[in-house]
Amino acid sequence: MCNNGTGTHGGFFYTFWKDGGTACMTLGANGNYSTTYNLSGNRNLVAGKGWQTGSTSRRIGYNAGVFNPGSNSYLTLYGWSTNPLVEYYVVENWGGFTPPGNTQAAGQVTTDGGTYNLYRTQRVNAPSIIGTATFYQYWSVRTSKAGTGQNRTITFANHVNAWRNRGWNLGSMNYQVMATEGFGANGSSNLTVWQQ
């Protein structure tokens, strides 16, 4: 698929969104998908498979057989909550740009064989799942990139608790996917996600 959309495939929810450039997503069996993208001119892509309703207690398994991020892409557990409206990331791998940029970490959490820096950023009058809005983004970003071709685990509750300890609360859970996100980059991915 090369046009924006959401749906279900192989028992999983998927989302595909871009605001320009050339990008497509191929839906594989069960929790598998692959992407190719050329996002010249700072175009943005979010593509992933997971669950239509997220859970703060879900343990996510994934295997990224391919992740070619180019200059600025993330391999990330990604989702939204409402009331409050929050966009969240648990970033496992990235390209030449380390997200979320020039922001000071508010602490760390160690879980699932890695240490993650914690950040909170804000977007003002930006696209969201409820339309243009101002909202916070919560981030857990590995201090070292997770390798490809191995089964890995994300115990999301550990990140949720680390955020909550800093007063960063999630609301009612919306979708939750293992995503490939790109910004102005050329790249590709092939990964499989499942619930442990």
Protein backbone atom coordinates (compact mmCIF):
# COMPACT_ATOMS: atom_id res chain seq x y z
CA MET A 1 0.00 0.00 0.00
CA CYS A 2 1.23 3.46 -0.93
CA ASN A 3 -1.76 5.54 0.16
CA ASN A 4 -2.57 6.60 3.71
CA GLY A 5 -4.81 4.27 5.65
CA THR A 6 -5.40 2.03 8.65
CA GLY A 7 -6.97 -1.39 9.00
CA THR A 8 -6.42 -4.94 10.14
CA HIS A 9 -4.28 -7.61 8.49
CA GLY A 10 -3.16 -11.00 9.72
CA GLY A 11 -4.82 -10.40 13.09
CA PHE A 12 -2.95 -7.12 13.66
CA PHE A 13 -3.81 -3.44 13.31
CA TYR A 14 -1.75 -1.45 10.82
CA THR A 15 -1.29 2.22 10.09
CA PHE A 16 0.37 3.92 7.13
CA TRP A 17 0.70 7.69 6.91
CA LYS A 18 2.92 10.01 4.91
CA ASP A 19 2.69 13.70 4.09
CA GLY A 20 4.51 13.45 0.78
CA GLY A 21 7.51 11.83 -0.81
CA THR A 22 7.58 8.29 -2.13
CA ALA A 23 6.81 5.55 0.36
CA CYS A 24 5.04 2.20 0.41
CA MET A 25 4.28 -0.50 2.97
CA THR A 26 3.93 -4.21 2.25
CA LEU A 27 1.78 -6.18 4.70
CA GLY A 28 3.24 -9.62 5.42
CA ALA A 29 1.91 -12.59 7.33
CA ASN A 30 0.74 -12.08 10.91
CA GLY A 31 2.73 -9.19 12.47
CA ASN A 32 5.18 -8.73 9.59
CA TYR A 33 5.51 -5.69 7.36
CA SER A 34 8.14 -3.99 5.25
CA THR A 35 8.65 -0.45 4.00
CA THR A 36 10.65 1.45 1.41
CA TYR A 37 10.70 5.25 1.40
CA ASN A 38 12.25 8.32 -0.19
CA LEU A 39 11.18 11.33 1.89
CA SER A 40 12.94 14.21 0.19
CA GLY A 41 12.03 17.72 1.30
CA ASN A 42 11.60 16.82 4.98
CA ARG A 43 8.56 14.65 4.34
CA ASN A 44 7.35 12.38 7.13
CA LEU A 45 6.33 8.71 7.24
CA VAL A 46 4.81 6.56 9.99
CA ALA A 47 4.14 2.91 9.19
CA GLY A 48 3.62 0.04 11.57
CA LYS A 49 1.75 -3.00 12.78
CA GLY A 50 0.45 -3.72 16.26
CA TRP A 51 -2.82 -3.23 18.11
CA GLN A 52 -5.81 -0.98 17.57
CA THR A 53 -6.08 -0.49 21.34
CA GLY A 54 -2.82 -0.05 23.20
CA SER A 55 -2.07 -1.36 26.67
CA THR A 56 0.23 0.02 29.33
CA SER A 57 0.97 -3.54 30.49
CA ARG A 58 1.71 -5.16 27.12
CA ARG A 59 5.02 -6.97 26.56
CA ILE A 60 5.93 -6.57 22.91
CA GLY A 61 8.22 -8.89 21.02
CA TYR A 62 9.76 -7.90 17.72
CA ASN A 63 12.43 -8.86 15.24
CA ALA A 64 13.81 -6.30 12.81
CA GLY A 65 15.41 -8.31 10.04
CA VAL A 66 16.07 -5.11 8.08
CA PHE A 67 16.37 -1.52 9.25
CA ASN A 68 18.13 0.90 6.92
CA PRO A 69 17.33 4.28 8.49
CA GLY A 70 19.28 6.68 6.34
CA SER A 71 19.80 10.11 7.85
CA ASN A 72 16.76 10.32 10.12
CA SER A 73 14.47 7.39 10.85
CA TYR A 74 13.39 5.57 14.01
CA LEU A 75 12.48 1.98 14.78
CA THR A 76 10.11 2.52 17.66
CA LEU A 77 7.18 1.33 19.69
CA TYR A 78 4.76 4.12 18.92
CA GLY A 79 1.29 5.12 20.01
CA TRP A 80 -1.14 7.67 21.35
CA SER A 81 -3.35 8.29 24.33
CA THR A 82 -6.20 10.75 24.79
CA ASN A 83 -7.27 12.68 27.90
CA PRO A 84 -4.47 13.67 28.03
CA LEU A 85 -3.46 13.66 24.38
CA VAL A 86 0.05 12.16 24.30
CA GLU A 87 2.24 10.79 21.51
CA TYR A 88 4.80 8.31 22.86
CA TYR A 89 7.93 6.57 21.63
CA VAL A 90 10.14 3.75 22.86
CA VAL A 91 12.99 4.10 20.36
CA GLU A 92 15.06 0.99 19.69
CA ASN A 93 17.15 2.06 16.69
CA TRP A 94 17.70 5.18 14.61
CA GLY A 95 19.79 6.71 11.86
CA GLY A 96 22.22 9.61 11.78
CA PHE A 97 19.98 11.80 13.96
CA THR A 98 19.44 10.72 17.58
CA PRO A 99 15.90 11.57 18.72
CA PRO A 100 14.46 13.73 20.07
CA GLY A 101 17.27 16.18 19.31
CA ASN A 102 18.72 18.92 21.47
CA THR A 103 16.75 18.10 24.63
CA GLN A 104 18.12 17.27 28.07
CA ALA A 105 17.23 13.83 29.42
CA ALA A 106 15.06 13.80 32.55
CA GLY A 107 16.42 10.47 33.77
CA GLN A 108 16.89 6.88 32.67
CA VAL A 109 15.22 3.50 32.91
CA THR A 110 16.99 0.15 32.50
CA THR A 111 14.87 -2.69 31.15
CA ASP A 112 14.97 -5.59 28.69
CA GLY A 113 18.75 -5.53 28.37
CA GLY A 114 19.08 -1.83 27.59
CA THR A 115 19.21 1.60 29.21
CA TYR A 116 16.90 4.30 27.90
CA ASN A 117 17.09 8.08 28.28
CA LEU A 118 13.77 9.72 29.16
CA TYR A 119 12.53 12.91 27.53
CA ARG A 120 9.37 14.99 27.34
CA THR A 121 8.86 17.38 24.44
CA GLN A 122 5.89 19.44 23.30
CA ARG A 123 4.38 19.99 19.87
CA VAL A 124 2.30 23.09 19.25
CA ASN A 125 -0.49 23.20 16.66
CA ALA A 126 0.72 19.96 15.12
CA PRO A 127 -1.08 17.02 13.47
CA SER A 128 -2.49 14.46 15.89
CA ILE A 129 -5.06 11.68 16.02
CA ILE A 130 -7.73 14.29 16.92
CA GLY A 131 -6.62 16.87 14.35
CA THR A 132 -4.35 19.87 14.83
CA ALA A 133 -3.53 20.18 18.53
CA THR A 134 -0.88 21.00 21.13
CA PHE A 135 0.34 17.97 23.06
CA TYR A 136 3.27 16.36 24.83
CA GLN A 137 5.50 13.61 23.48
CA TYR A 138 7.01 11.10 25.90
CA TRP A 139 10.24 9.41 24.84
CA SER A 140 12.35 6.46 25.99
CA VAL A 141 15.42 6.27 23.75
CA ARG A 142 18.00 3.51 24.03
CA THR A 143 21.48 4.76 24.83
CA SER A 144 22.83 2.22 22.30
CA LYS A 145 21.07 1.01 19.19
CA ALA A 146 19.40 -2.40 19.31
CA GLY A 147 20.83 -4.74 16.72
CA THR A 148 18.85 -6.27 13.87
CA GLY A 149 17.99 -9.89 13.22
CA GLN A 150 17.35 -10.81 16.86
CA ASN A 151 14.18 -11.38 18.87
CA ARG A 152 13.78 -8.52 21.32
CA THR A 153 11.33 -7.51 24.05
CA ILE A 154 9.81 -4.20 25.13
CA THR A 155 8.16 -4.34 28.57
CA PHE A 156 6.08 -1.24 28.08
CA ALA A 157 4.95 -1.04 31.71
CA ASN A 158 8.52 -0.24 32.76
CA HIS A 159 8.55 2.82 30.50
CA VAL A 160 5.06 3.87 31.59
CA ASN A 161 6.13 3.68 35.24
CA ALA A 162 9.32 5.65 34.59
CA TRP A 163 7.29 8.38 32.87
CA ARG A 164 4.65 8.37 35.62
CA ASN A 165 7.35 8.80 38.27
CA ARG A 166 8.14 12.12 36.60
CA GLY A 167 4.50 13.19 36.46
CA TRP A 168 4.11 12.25 32.83
CA ASN A 169 0.83 10.37 32.68
CA LEU A 170 -0.88 8.59 29.82
CA GLY A 171 -4.64 8.67 29.31
CA SER A 172 -7.02 6.37 27.45
CA MET A 173 -4.98 4.24 25.09
CA ASN A 174 -5.41 4.54 21.34
CA TYR A 175 -3.42 2.49 18.82
CA GLN A 176 0.00 0.98 19.61
CA VAL A 177 2.33 -0.24 16.85
CA MET A 178 5.91 -1.21 16.22
CA ALA A 179 6.66 1.53 13.74
CA THR A 180 9.11 2.71 11.16
CA GLU A 181 9.14 6.52 11.25
CA GLY A 182 11.15 8.60 8.82
CA PHE A 183 11.82 12.32 8.37
CA GLY A 184 13.38 13.53 5.15
CA ALA A 185 15.26 10.25 4.81
CA ASN A 186 15.65 7.41 2.34
CA GLY A 187 15.37 3.98 3.90
CA SER A 188 13.75 0.59 4.29
CA SER A 189 12.66 -1.84 6.97
CA ASN A 190 11.32 -5.34 7.41
CA LEU A 191 10.14 -6.39 10.84
CA THR A 192 7.74 -8.64 12.68
CA VAL A 193 5.90 -7.81 15.90
CA TRP A 194 3.99 -10.01 18.36
CA GLN A 195 2.64 -9.95 21.90
CA GLN A 196 4.56 -11.95 24.51
